Amino acid sequence: MKKRWKILLVCAAVLAGIAAWCFIPRSAVEEDYQIHLVEVGEGLADVTEQVDLEALGDLLQNAKRLGYHRGGNTVRMGTRHVLILGMDKTGPVNISLDEDACSVDRGDALGHYPLLNGEELLEQVWTLLPEQ
């Protein structure tokens, strides 16, 4: 009987850890995030040279994502779409901001992690972009 309770306790601890990983927000990018490409709009025009990359990086440092992911890219790439490609110490980090969905792709083949307050981040990023 004691062994059964120990097994149940271990299972409960594992499930609590998984739940915490899924629902506790964490930084979307690491401190050493380097932006390589910024594209905007339906045609994804390259505006990297026209953007203050340091200010954009500061905004992204404060962006939070959830630990769970969703498969596939659900971003529709409308007229107010922003795609930011970069790298941090863990590997590639691609951020898609759109009025319909805001997500982070960590290049881990697990899909896209949703961004918290993504619409607010899109508005802040949009102010840093050149006039479209």
Protein backbone atom coordinates (compact mmCIF):
# COMPACT_ATOMS: atom_id res chain seq x y z
CA MET A 1 0.00 0.00 0.00
CA LYS A 2 2.83 2.44 0.84
CA LYS A 3 4.45 1.83 -2.53
CA ARG A 4 1.22 2.74 -4.33
CA TRP A 5 1.02 6.07 -2.46
CA LYS A 6 4.63 6.87 -3.30
CA ILE A 7 3.96 6.20 -6.97
CA LEU A 8 0.84 8.39 -6.88
CA LEU A 9 2.80 11.17 -5.15
CA VAL A 10 5.54 11.04 -7.80
CA CYS A 11 2.94 11.11 -10.58
CA ALA A 12 1.21 14.12 -8.99
CA ALA A 13 4.55 15.95 -8.71
CA VAL A 14 5.36 15.25 -12.37
CA LEU A 15 1.93 16.46 -13.50
CA ALA A 16 2.28 19.62 -11.40
CA GLY A 17 5.67 20.29 -13.02
CA ILE A 18 4.24 19.84 -16.51
CA ALA A 19 1.33 22.16 -15.72
CA ALA A 20 3.72 24.79 -14.36
CA TRP A 21 5.86 24.56 -17.50
CA CYS A 22 2.81 25.01 -19.71
CA PHE A 23 1.16 27.92 -17.95
CA ILE A 24 3.92 30.03 -16.42
CA PRO A 25 5.01 32.83 -18.78
CA ARG A 26 8.68 33.16 -19.71
CA SER A 27 10.75 35.47 -21.86
CA ALA A 28 10.20 35.14 -25.58
CA VAL A 29 13.90 35.80 -26.28
CA GLU A 30 17.11 35.53 -24.26
CA GLU A 31 19.24 38.57 -23.37
CA ASP A 32 21.70 37.97 -26.21
CA TYR A 33 18.99 38.04 -28.92
CA GLN A 34 20.37 39.32 -32.23
CA ILE A 35 17.94 40.48 -34.92
CA HIS A 36 18.96 39.50 -38.45
CA LEU A 37 15.91 40.40 -40.53
CA VAL A 38 12.73 42.47 -40.14
CA GLU A 39 10.02 42.13 -42.76
CA VAL A 40 6.60 43.81 -42.85
CA GLY A 41 3.33 43.75 -44.78
CA GLU A 42 1.64 41.22 -47.02
CA GLY A 43 4.64 41.03 -49.34
CA LEU A 44 7.10 40.90 -46.42
CA ALA A 45 9.24 43.86 -47.49
CA ASP A 46 12.69 43.87 -45.86
CA VAL A 47 12.97 46.97 -43.62
CA THR A 48 15.91 45.80 -41.48
CA GLU A 49 18.12 48.74 -42.43
CA GLN A 50 15.37 51.25 -41.60
CA VAL A 51 14.58 50.02 -38.07
CA ASP A 52 16.26 50.89 -34.76
CA LEU A 53 17.26 47.30 -33.99
CA GLU A 54 18.38 48.15 -30.46
CA ALA A 55 14.98 49.63 -29.55
CA LEU A 56 13.21 46.71 -31.21
CA GLY A 57 15.40 44.25 -29.31
CA ASP A 58 14.56 45.99 -26.04
CA LEU A 59 10.84 45.59 -26.76
CA LEU A 60 11.27 41.91 -27.54
CA GLN A 61 13.32 41.33 -24.35
CA ASN A 62 10.19 42.20 -22.38
CA ALA A 63 7.87 40.02 -24.47
CA LYS A 64 6.50 36.99 -22.65
CA ARG A 65 5.34 33.69 -24.08
CA LEU A 66 3.49 30.74 -22.66
CA GLY A 67 5.16 27.36 -22.31
CA TYR A 68 2.68 25.48 -24.44
CA HIS A 69 2.78 25.57 -28.22
CA ARG A 70 0.46 25.16 -31.12
CA GLY A 71 1.37 23.36 -34.31
CA GLY A 72 1.86 25.11 -37.62
CA ASN A 73 1.95 28.75 -38.52
CA THR A 74 -1.51 30.22 -38.03
CA VAL A 75 -0.46 33.77 -38.92
CA ARG A 76 -2.28 35.09 -41.99
CA MET A 77 0.27 37.72 -42.99
CA GLY A 78 -2.05 40.68 -43.45
CA THR A 79 -1.08 44.25 -44.17
CA ARG A 80 0.03 44.81 -40.55
CA HIS A 81 2.20 41.70 -40.38
CA VAL A 82 5.71 41.86 -38.91
CA LEU A 83 8.19 38.98 -39.14
CA ILE A 84 11.38 39.25 -37.06
CA LEU A 85 14.10 36.66 -37.58
CA GLY A 86 16.93 36.34 -35.10
CA MET A 87 19.07 34.14 -32.88
CA ASP A 88 19.78 33.86 -29.18
CA LYS A 89 22.06 31.47 -27.29
CA THR A 90 19.55 28.63 -27.64
CA GLY A 91 19.18 28.93 -31.42
CA PRO A 92 16.86 30.58 -33.94
CA VAL A 93 13.96 32.66 -32.63
CA ASN A 94 11.45 33.87 -35.19
CA ILE A 95 8.64 36.18 -34.07
CA SER A 96 5.44 36.66 -36.07
CA LEU A 97 3.19 39.56 -35.13
CA ASP A 98 -0.16 39.98 -36.80
CA GLU A 99 -3.57 41.28 -35.82
CA ASP A 100 -4.86 37.69 -35.79
CA ALA A 101 -2.01 35.87 -34.02
CA CYS A 102 1.28 36.73 -32.33
CA SER A 103 3.72 33.91 -31.76
CA VAL A 104 7.32 32.80 -31.32
CA ASP A 105 8.90 29.93 -33.26
CA ARG A 106 11.97 28.68 -31.38
CA GLY A 107 13.05 26.38 -34.20
CA ASP A 108 12.46 23.32 -31.99
CA ALA A 109 10.00 21.63 -34.38
CA LEU A 110 7.28 21.92 -31.71
CA GLY A 111 5.37 24.73 -33.40
CA HIS A 112 4.64 28.28 -32.34
CA TYR A 113 4.42 29.54 -28.76
CA PRO A 114 1.70 32.17 -28.24
CA LEU A 115 2.81 35.60 -27.04
CA LEU A 116 1.04 37.21 -24.13
CA ASN A 117 -0.23 40.71 -24.94
CA GLY A 118 0.82 40.17 -28.55
CA GLU A 119 -1.51 42.86 -29.88
CA GLU A 120 0.06 45.40 -27.54
CA LEU A 121 3.54 44.30 -28.66
CA LEU A 122 2.49 44.63 -32.31
CA GLU A 123 1.41 48.24 -31.69
CA GLN A 124 4.73 49.05 -29.97
CA VAL A 125 6.76 47.41 -32.75
CA TRP A 126 4.68 49.11 -35.44
CA THR A 127 5.64 52.55 -34.09
CA LEU A 128 9.34 51.69 -34.63
CA LEU A 129 8.83 50.73 -38.27
CA PRO A 130 9.19 53.11 -41.22
CA GLU A 131 6.04 54.51 -42.78
CA GLN A 132 4.41 51.93 -45.00
